[in-house]
Amino acid sequence: MLGFERLRFPFTFMGLMALGLGLWVLIYLAGHRGLDPASQVVGLVTVAICLGLGVYVLVRRIRRGPQH
C-alpha cells in the first residue's frame, strides 16, 4: 500500500547487538559485585537470554546462509 519494496529484517544485526548487550551486562555485573542478589539474578537472566539469542541467530545465519 505504501510502496515499500522487499524489506529484510536485520536478524544478523540483531544477533550482534544481542551478543554485545549480553557481554556489556556481564562486564557490568563483574565490576559491581555489591549489587543485591535480586539485581544480580535479573542481570544474569538478561545475559543468558541475550547471549542465547545472539548465538542462535549467528549460528543459524552461518549454517543456512544469507537468504534464510
C-alpha atoms as a PDB file:
ATOM      1  CA  MET A   1       0.000   0.000   0.000  1.00  0.00           C
ATOM      2  CA  LEU A   2       2.726   2.428   0.878  1.00  0.00           C
ATOM      3  CA  GLY A   3       5.011   1.339  -1.934  1.00  0.00           C
ATOM      4  CA  PHE A   4       7.757  -0.274   0.111  1.00  0.00           C
ATOM      5  CA  GLU A   5       9.967  -2.712  -1.707  1.00  0.00           C
ATOM      6  CA  ARG A   6      11.019  -6.035  -0.168  1.00  0.00           C
ATOM      7  CA  LEU A   7      12.294  -5.414   3.310  1.00  0.00           C
ATOM      8  CA  ARG A   8      14.601  -7.888   5.016  1.00  0.00           C
ATOM      9  CA  PHE A   9      14.589  -7.739   8.767  1.00  0.00           C
ATOM     10  CA  PRO A  10      18.174  -7.325  10.050  1.00  0.00           C
ATOM     11  CA  PHE A  11      18.442 -10.544  12.060  1.00  0.00           C
ATOM     12  CA  THR A  12      22.238 -10.651  11.793  1.00  0.00           C
ATOM     13  CA  PHE A  13      22.455  -7.137  13.229  1.00  0.00           C
ATOM     14  CA  MET A  14      20.052  -8.153  15.992  1.00  0.00           C
ATOM     15  CA  GLY A  15      22.268 -11.136  16.808  1.00  0.00           C
ATOM     16  CA  LEU A  16      25.382  -8.996  17.030  1.00  0.00           C
ATOM     17  CA  MET A  17      23.601  -6.423  19.178  1.00  0.00           C
ATOM     18  CA  ALA A  18      22.297  -9.154  21.489  1.00  0.00           C
ATOM     19  CA  LEU A  19      25.831 -10.517  21.922  1.00  0.00           C
ATOM     20  CA  GLY A  20      27.133  -7.019  22.605  1.00  0.00           C
ATOM     21  CA  LEU A  21      24.410  -6.265  25.145  1.00  0.00           C
ATOM     22  CA  GLY A  22      24.915  -9.593  26.887  1.00  0.00           C
ATOM     23  CA  LEU A  23      28.666  -9.038  27.174  1.00  0.00           C
ATOM     24  CA  TRP A  24      28.141  -5.467  28.384  1.00  0.00           C
ATOM     25  CA  VAL A  25      25.776  -6.582  31.155  1.00  0.00           C
ATOM     26  CA  LEU A  26      28.156  -9.396  32.118  1.00  0.00           C
ATOM     27  CA  ILE A  27      31.078  -6.960  32.392  1.00  0.00           C
ATOM     28  CA  TYR A  28      28.884  -4.564  34.390  1.00  0.00           C
ATOM     29  CA  LEU A  29      27.915  -7.319  36.814  1.00  0.00           C
ATOM     30  CA  ALA A  30      31.540  -8.375  37.210  1.00  0.00           C
ATOM     31  CA  GLY A  31      32.521  -4.818  38.089  1.00  0.00           C
ATOM     32  CA  HIS A  32      29.651  -4.212  40.507  1.00  0.00           C
ATOM     33  CA  ARG A  33      29.767  -7.142  42.886  1.00  0.00           C
ATOM     34  CA  GLY A  34      27.960  -5.150  45.586  1.00  0.00           C
ATOM     35  CA  LEU A  35      24.571  -5.363  43.881  1.00  0.00           C
ATOM     36  CA  ASP A  36      21.776  -7.010  45.797  1.00  0.00           C
ATOM     37  CA  PRO A  37      21.013 -10.645  44.896  1.00  0.00           C
ATOM     38  CA  ALA A  38      17.778  -9.845  43.040  1.00  0.00           C
ATOM     39  CA  SER A  39      19.590  -7.405  40.740  1.00  0.00           C
ATOM     40  CA  GLN A  40      22.298  -9.959  40.076  1.00  0.00           C
ATOM     41  CA  VAL A  41      19.714 -12.594  39.138  1.00  0.00           C
ATOM     42  CA  VAL A  42      17.939 -10.191  36.782  1.00  0.00           C
ATOM     43  CA  GLY A  43      21.277  -9.299  35.212  1.00  0.00           C
ATOM     44  CA  LEU A  44      22.314 -12.922  34.774  1.00  0.00           C
ATOM     45  CA  VAL A  45      18.959 -13.818  33.224  1.00  0.00           C
ATOM     46  CA  THR A  46      19.411 -10.906  30.822  1.00  0.00           C
ATOM     47  CA  VAL A  47      22.900 -12.158  29.952  1.00  0.00           C
ATOM     48  CA  ALA A  48      21.612 -15.697  29.335  1.00  0.00           C
ATOM     49  CA  ILE A  49      18.775 -14.515  27.089  1.00  0.00           C
ATOM     50  CA  CYS A  50      20.936 -12.092  25.110  1.00  0.00           C
ATOM     51  CA  LEU A  51      23.815 -14.490  24.595  1.00  0.00           C
ATOM     52  CA  GLY A  52      21.430 -17.327  23.734  1.00  0.00           C
ATOM     53  CA  LEU A  53      19.592 -15.248  21.139  1.00  0.00           C
ATOM     54  CA  GLY A  54      22.813 -13.881  19.680  1.00  0.00           C
ATOM     55  CA  VAL A  55      24.441 -17.284  19.332  1.00  0.00           C
ATOM     56  CA  TYR A  56      21.250 -18.791  17.870  1.00  0.00           C
ATOM     57  CA  VAL A  57      20.897 -16.050  15.248  1.00  0.00           C
ATOM     58  CA  LEU A  58      24.535 -16.128  14.199  1.00  0.00           C
ATOM     59  CA  VAL A  59      24.787 -19.937  14.061  1.00  0.00           C
ATOM     60  CA  ARG A  60      21.585 -20.055  12.019  1.00  0.00           C
ATOM     61  CA  ARG A  61      22.991 -17.429   9.665  1.00  0.00           C
ATOM     62  CA  ILE A  62      26.237 -19.371   9.225  1.00  0.00           C
ATOM     63  CA  ARG A  63      24.519 -22.727   8.673  1.00  0.00           C
ATOM     64  CA  ARG A  64      21.677 -21.581   6.387  1.00  0.00           C
ATOM     65  CA  GLY A  65      23.263 -18.692   4.533  1.00  0.00           C
ATOM     66  CA  PRO A  66      22.140 -15.124   3.974  1.00  0.00           C
ATOM     67  CA  GLN A  67      18.792 -15.910   2.368  1.00  0.00           C
ATOM     68  CA  HIS A  68      17.175 -17.682   5.342  1.00  0.00           C
END
